[in-house]
Amino acid sequence: MEGIQPKRMMAILAHPDDESFGMGGTLAKYNHQGVQIVLLYATRGEAGIPWDKIW
């Protein structure tokens, strides 16, 4: 059918695995209903670097 867009949902999270805590069931529910789930992470999950080591 022309003009029908697939359903999508984006979750923006700070760290990998954050979707597992709290919203994992909701994401699974919508995915099961045919919604495309996109996860965007603000970090790669690496450990932090102390400020004195940066400069």
PDB file of N, CA and C in Angstrom:
ATOM      1  N   MET A   1       0.832  -1.183   0.000  1.00  0.00           N
ATOM      2  CA  MET A   1       0.000   0.000   0.000  1.00  0.00           C
ATOM      3  C   MET A   1       0.877   1.248   0.000  1.00  0.00           C
ATOM      4  N   GLU A   2       0.496   2.161  -0.817  1.00  0.00           N
ATOM      5  CA  GLU A   2       1.269   3.383  -0.943  1.00  0.00           C
ATOM      6  C   GLU A   2       0.990   4.328   0.219  1.00  0.00           C
ATOM      7  N   GLY A   3       2.050   4.967   0.720  1.00  0.00           N
ATOM      8  CA  GLY A   3       1.899   5.966   1.765  1.00  0.00           C
ATOM      9  C   GLY A   3       1.926   5.422   3.184  1.00  0.00           C
ATOM     10  N   ILE A   4       1.968   4.108   3.360  1.00  0.00           N
ATOM     11  CA  ILE A   4       2.015   3.550   4.707  1.00  0.00           C
ATOM     12  C   ILE A   4       3.475   3.396   5.117  1.00  0.00           C
ATOM     13  N   GLN A   5       3.833   3.986   6.242  1.00  0.00           N
ATOM     14  CA  GLN A   5       5.186   3.925   6.760  1.00  0.00           C
ATOM     15  C   GLN A   5       5.294   2.834   7.823  1.00  0.00           C
ATOM     16  N   PRO A   6       6.414   2.115   7.838  1.00  0.00           N
ATOM     17  CA  PRO A   6       6.596   1.139   8.909  1.00  0.00           C
ATOM     18  C   PRO A   6       6.712   1.850  10.253  1.00  0.00           C
ATOM     19  N   LYS A   7       6.287   1.192  11.309  1.00  0.00           N
ATOM     20  CA  LYS A   7       6.362   1.780  12.643  1.00  0.00           C
ATOM     21  C   LYS A   7       7.761   1.593  13.188  1.00  0.00           C
ATOM     22  N   ARG A   8       8.275   2.649  13.801  1.00  0.00           N
ATOM     23  CA  ARG A   8       9.613   2.620  14.381  1.00  0.00           C
ATOM     24  C   ARG A   8       9.584   3.256  15.759  1.00  0.00           C
ATOM     25  N   MET A   9      10.484   2.782  16.617  1.00  0.00           N
ATOM     26  CA  MET A   9      10.643   3.355  17.942  1.00  0.00           C
ATOM     27  C   MET A   9      12.139   3.480  18.205  1.00  0.00           C
ATOM     28  N   MET A  10      12.562   4.640  18.716  1.00  0.00           N
ATOM     29  CA  MET A  10      13.959   4.843  19.049  1.00  0.00           C
ATOM     30  C   MET A  10      14.081   5.050  20.552  1.00  0.00           C
ATOM     31  N   ALA A  11      15.056   4.379  21.145  1.00  0.00           N
ATOM     32  CA  ALA A  11      15.391   4.593  22.544  1.00  0.00           C
ATOM     33  C   ALA A  11      16.801   5.159  22.591  1.00  0.00           C
ATOM     34  N   ILE A  12      16.970   6.291  23.262  1.00  0.00           N
ATOM     35  CA  ILE A  12      18.275   6.934  23.398  1.00  0.00           C
ATOM     36  C   ILE A  12      18.759   6.663  24.816  1.00  0.00           C
ATOM     37  N   LEU A  13      19.927   6.019  24.916  1.00  0.00           N
ATOM     38  CA  LEU A  13      20.428   5.544  26.197  1.00  0.00           C
ATOM     39  C   LEU A  13      21.866   5.993  26.413  1.00  0.00           C
ATOM     40  N   ALA A  14      22.265   6.068  27.665  1.00  0.00           N
ATOM     41  CA  ALA A  14      23.628   6.494  27.976  1.00  0.00           C
ATOM     42  C   ALA A  14      24.639   5.381  27.745  1.00  0.00           C
ATOM     43  N   HIS A  15      24.301   4.151  28.120  1.00  0.00           N
ATOM     44  CA  HIS A  15      25.274   3.064  28.095  1.00  0.00           C
ATOM     45  C   HIS A  15      24.682   1.810  27.477  1.00  0.00           C
ATOM     46  N   PRO A  16      25.521   0.989  26.845  1.00  0.00           N
ATOM     47  CA  PRO A  16      25.046  -0.325  26.401  1.00  0.00           C
ATOM     48  C   PRO A  16      24.520  -1.112  27.606  1.00  0.00           C
ATOM     49  N   ASP A  17      23.529  -1.892  27.391  1.00  0.00           N
ATOM     50  CA  ASP A  17      22.832  -2.692  28.409  1.00  0.00           C
ATOM     51  C   ASP A  17      21.796  -1.908  29.194  1.00  0.00           C
ATOM     52  N   ASP A  18      21.735  -0.571  29.054  1.00  0.00           N
ATOM     53  CA  ASP A  18      20.726   0.202  29.790  1.00  0.00           C
ATOM     54  C   ASP A  18      19.306  -0.196  29.391  1.00  0.00           C
ATOM     55  N   GLU A  19      19.126  -0.673  28.150  1.00  0.00           N
ATOM     56  CA  GLU A  19      17.786  -1.068  27.723  1.00  0.00           C
ATOM     57  C   GLU A  19      17.304  -2.294  28.491  1.00  0.00           C
ATOM     58  N   SER A  20      18.223  -3.023  29.069  1.00  0.00           N
ATOM     59  CA  SER A  20      17.857  -4.222  29.831  1.00  0.00           C
ATOM     60  C   SER A  20      17.199  -3.879  31.161  1.00  0.00           C
ATOM     61  N   PHE A  21      17.475  -2.713  31.671  1.00  0.00           N
ATOM     62  CA  PHE A  21      16.969  -2.311  32.978  1.00  0.00           C
ATOM     63  C   PHE A  21      15.765  -1.393  32.814  1.00  0.00           C
ATOM     64  N   GLY A  22      14.601  -1.909  33.050  1.00  0.00           N
ATOM     65  CA  GLY A  22      13.404  -1.073  33.061  1.00  0.00           C
ATOM     66  C   GLY A  22      12.582  -1.133  31.787  1.00  0.00           C
ATOM     67  N   MET A  23      13.184  -0.904  30.642  1.00  0.00           N
ATOM     68  CA  MET A  23      12.382  -0.804  29.421  1.00  0.00           C
ATOM     69  C   MET A  23      12.493  -2.009  28.502  1.00  0.00           C
ATOM     70  N   GLY A  24      13.250  -3.015  28.883  1.00  0.00           N
ATOM     71  CA  GLY A  24      13.452  -4.181  28.030  1.00  0.00           C
ATOM     72  C   GLY A  24      12.162  -4.874  27.648  1.00  0.00           C
ATOM     73  N   GLY A  25      11.256  -5.027  28.595  1.00  0.00           N
ATOM     74  CA  GLY A  25       9.974  -5.664  28.310  1.00  0.00           C
ATOM     75  C   GLY A  25       9.121  -4.857  27.353  1.00  0.00           C
ATOM     76  N   THR A  26       9.148  -3.557  27.508  1.00  0.00           N
ATOM     77  CA  THR A  26       8.378  -2.669  26.617  1.00  0.00           C
ATOM     78  C   THR A  26       8.916  -2.745  25.194  1.00  0.00           C
ATOM     79  N   LEU A  27      10.239  -2.715  25.049  1.00  0.00           N
ATOM     80  CA  LEU A  27      10.837  -2.827  23.717  1.00  0.00           C
ATOM     81  C   LEU A  27      10.502  -4.167  23.075  1.00  0.00           C
ATOM     82  N   ALA A  28      10.549  -5.237  23.853  1.00  0.00           N
ATOM     83  CA  ALA A  28      10.217  -6.567  23.330  1.00  0.00           C
ATOM     84  C   ALA A  28       8.758  -6.642  22.901  1.00  0.00           C
ATOM     85  N   LYS A  29       7.878  -6.038  23.682  1.00  0.00           N
ATOM     86  CA  LYS A  29       6.442  -6.038  23.356  1.00  0.00           C
ATOM     87  C   LYS A  29       6.184  -5.363  22.013  1.00  0.00           C
ATOM     88  N   TYR A  30       6.740  -4.170  21.827  1.00  0.00           N
ATOM     89  CA  TYR A  30       6.509  -3.448  20.582  1.00  0.00           C
ATOM     90  C   TYR A  30       7.170  -4.140  19.402  1.00  0.00           C
ATOM     91  N   ASN A  31       8.357  -4.724  19.607  1.00  0.00           N
ATOM     92  CA  ASN A  31       9.008  -5.462  18.539  1.00  0.00           C
ATOM     93  C   ASN A  31       8.170  -6.660  18.118  1.00  0.00           C
ATOM     94  N   HIS A  32       7.573  -7.330  19.083  1.00  0.00           N
ATOM     95  CA  HIS A  32       6.700  -8.473  18.789  1.00  0.00           C
ATOM     96  C   HIS A  32       5.479  -8.036  17.977  1.00  0.00           C
ATOM     97  N   GLN A  33       5.061  -6.779  18.142  1.00  0.00           N
ATOM     98  CA  GLN A  33       3.918  -6.241  17.395  1.00  0.00           C
ATOM     99  C   GLN A  33       4.332  -5.683  16.031  1.00  0.00           C
ATOM    100  N   GLY A  34       5.595  -5.860  15.660  1.00  0.00           N
ATOM    101  CA  GLY A  34       6.038  -5.438  14.335  1.00  0.00           C
ATOM    102  C   GLY A  34       6.704  -4.086  14.270  1.00  0.00           C
ATOM    103  N   VAL A  35       6.965  -3.460  15.408  1.00  0.00           N
ATOM    104  CA  VAL A  35       7.620  -2.160  15.440  1.00  0.00           C
ATOM    105  C   VAL A  35       9.131  -2.372  15.340  1.00  0.00           C
ATOM    106  N   GLN A  36       9.779  -1.616  14.447  1.00  0.00           N
ATOM    107  CA  GLN A  36      11.232  -1.675  14.330  1.00  0.00           C
ATOM    108  C   GLN A  36      11.829  -0.886  15.494  1.00  0.00           C
ATOM    109  N   ILE A  37      12.721  -1.507  16.255  1.00  0.00           N
ATOM    110  CA  ILE A  37      13.341  -0.869  17.409  1.00  0.00           C
ATOM    111  C   ILE A  37      14.752  -0.433  17.044  1.00  0.00           C
ATOM    112  N   VAL A  38      15.072   0.829  17.334  1.00  0.00           N
ATOM    113  CA  VAL A  38      16.405   1.373  17.092  1.00  0.00           C
ATOM    114  C   VAL A  38      16.945   1.862  18.428  1.00  0.00           C
ATOM    115  N   LEU A  39      18.146   1.417  18.784  1.00  0.00           N
ATOM    116  CA  LEU A  39      18.787   1.840  20.023  1.00  0.00           C
ATOM    117  C   LEU A  39      19.962   2.745  19.688  1.00  0.00           C
ATOM    118  N   LEU A  40      20.024   3.899  20.350  1.00  0.00           N
ATOM    119  CA  LEU A  40      21.121   4.848  20.162  1.00  0.00           C
ATOM    120  C   LEU A  40      21.811   5.023  21.500  1.00  0.00           C
ATOM    121  N   TYR A  41      23.112   4.737  21.531  1.00  0.00           N
ATOM    122  CA  TYR A  41      23.886   4.839  22.759  1.00  0.00           C
ATOM    123  C   TYR A  41      24.797   6.060  22.700  1.00  0.00           C
ATOM    124  N   ALA A  42      24.933   6.759  23.831  1.00  0.00           N
ATOM    125  CA  ALA A  42      25.778   7.952  23.902  1.00  0.00           C
ATOM    126  C   ALA A  42      27.243   7.595  24.157  1.00  0.00           C
ATOM    127  N   THR A  43      27.507   6.367  24.619  1.00  0.00           N
ATOM    128  CA  THR A  43      28.880   5.924  24.853  1.00  0.00           C
ATOM    129  C   THR A  43      29.051   4.527  24.283  1.00  0.00           C
ATOM    130  N   ARG A  44      30.287   4.083  24.205  1.00  0.00           N
ATOM    131  CA  ARG A  44      30.571   2.725  23.759  1.00  0.00           C
ATOM    132  C   ARG A  44      30.646   1.762  24.940  1.00  0.00           C
ATOM    133  N   GLY A  45      30.491   2.271  26.150  1.00  0.00           N
ATOM    134  CA  GLY A  45      30.563   1.424  27.317  1.00  0.00           C
ATOM    135  C   GLY A  45      31.948   1.331  27.908  1.00  0.00           C
ATOM    136  N   GLU A  46      32.874   2.144  27.373  1.00  0.00           N
ATOM    137  CA  GLU A  46      34.224   2.111  27.907  1.00  0.00           C
ATOM    138  C   GLU A  46      34.262   2.745  29.293  1.00  0.00           C
ATOM    139  N   ALA A  47      35.246   2.401  30.058  1.00  0.00           N
ATOM    140  CA  ALA A  47      35.413   2.983  31.395  1.00  0.00           C
ATOM    141  C   ALA A  47      35.813   4.442  31.270  1.00  0.00           C
ATOM    142  N   GLY A  48      35.485   5.216  32.253  1.00  0.00           N
ATOM    143  CA  GLY A  48      35.829   6.629  32.249  1.00  0.00           C
ATOM    144  C   GLY A  48      37.325   6.865  32.392  1.00  0.00           C
ATOM    145  N   ILE A  49      37.759   8.040  31.976  1.00  0.00           N
ATOM    146  CA  ILE A  49      39.160   8.428  32.092  1.00  0.00           C
ATOM    147  C   ILE A  49      39.227   9.579  33.093  1.00  0.00           C
ATOM    148  N   PRO A  50      40.077   9.479  34.105  1.00  0.00           N
ATOM    149  CA  PRO A  50      40.199  10.577  35.069  1.00  0.00           C
ATOM    150  C   PRO A  50      40.624  11.862  34.365  1.00  0.00           C
ATOM    151  N   TRP A  51      40.085  12.989  34.814  1.00  0.00           N
ATOM    152  CA  TRP A  51      40.371  14.276  34.175  1.00  0.00           C
ATOM    153  C   TRP A  51      41.852  14.599  34.155  1.00  0.00           C
ATOM    154  N   ASP A  52      42.592  14.229  35.198  1.00  0.00           N
ATOM    155  CA  ASP A  52      44.009  14.556  35.219  1.00  0.00           C
ATOM    156  C   ASP A  52      44.811  13.771  34.173  1.00  0.00           C
ATOM    157  N   LYS A  53      44.239  12.694  33.625  1.00  0.00           N
ATOM    158  CA  LYS A  53      44.917  11.919  32.588  1.00  0.00           C
ATOM    159  C   LYS A  53      44.619  12.453  31.179  1.00  0.00           C
ATOM    160  N   ILE A  54      43.569  13.262  31.058  1.00  0.00           N
ATOM    161  CA  ILE A  54      43.186  13.818  29.757  1.00  0.00           C
ATOM    162  C   ILE A  54      44.116  14.955  29.346  1.00  0.00           C
ATOM    163  N   TRP A  55      44.456  15.806  30.280  1.00  0.00           N
ATOM    164  CA  TRP A  55      45.245  16.999  29.967  1.00  0.00           C
ATOM    165  C   TRP A  55      46.666  16.683  30.199  1.00  0.00           C
TER     166      TRP A  55
END
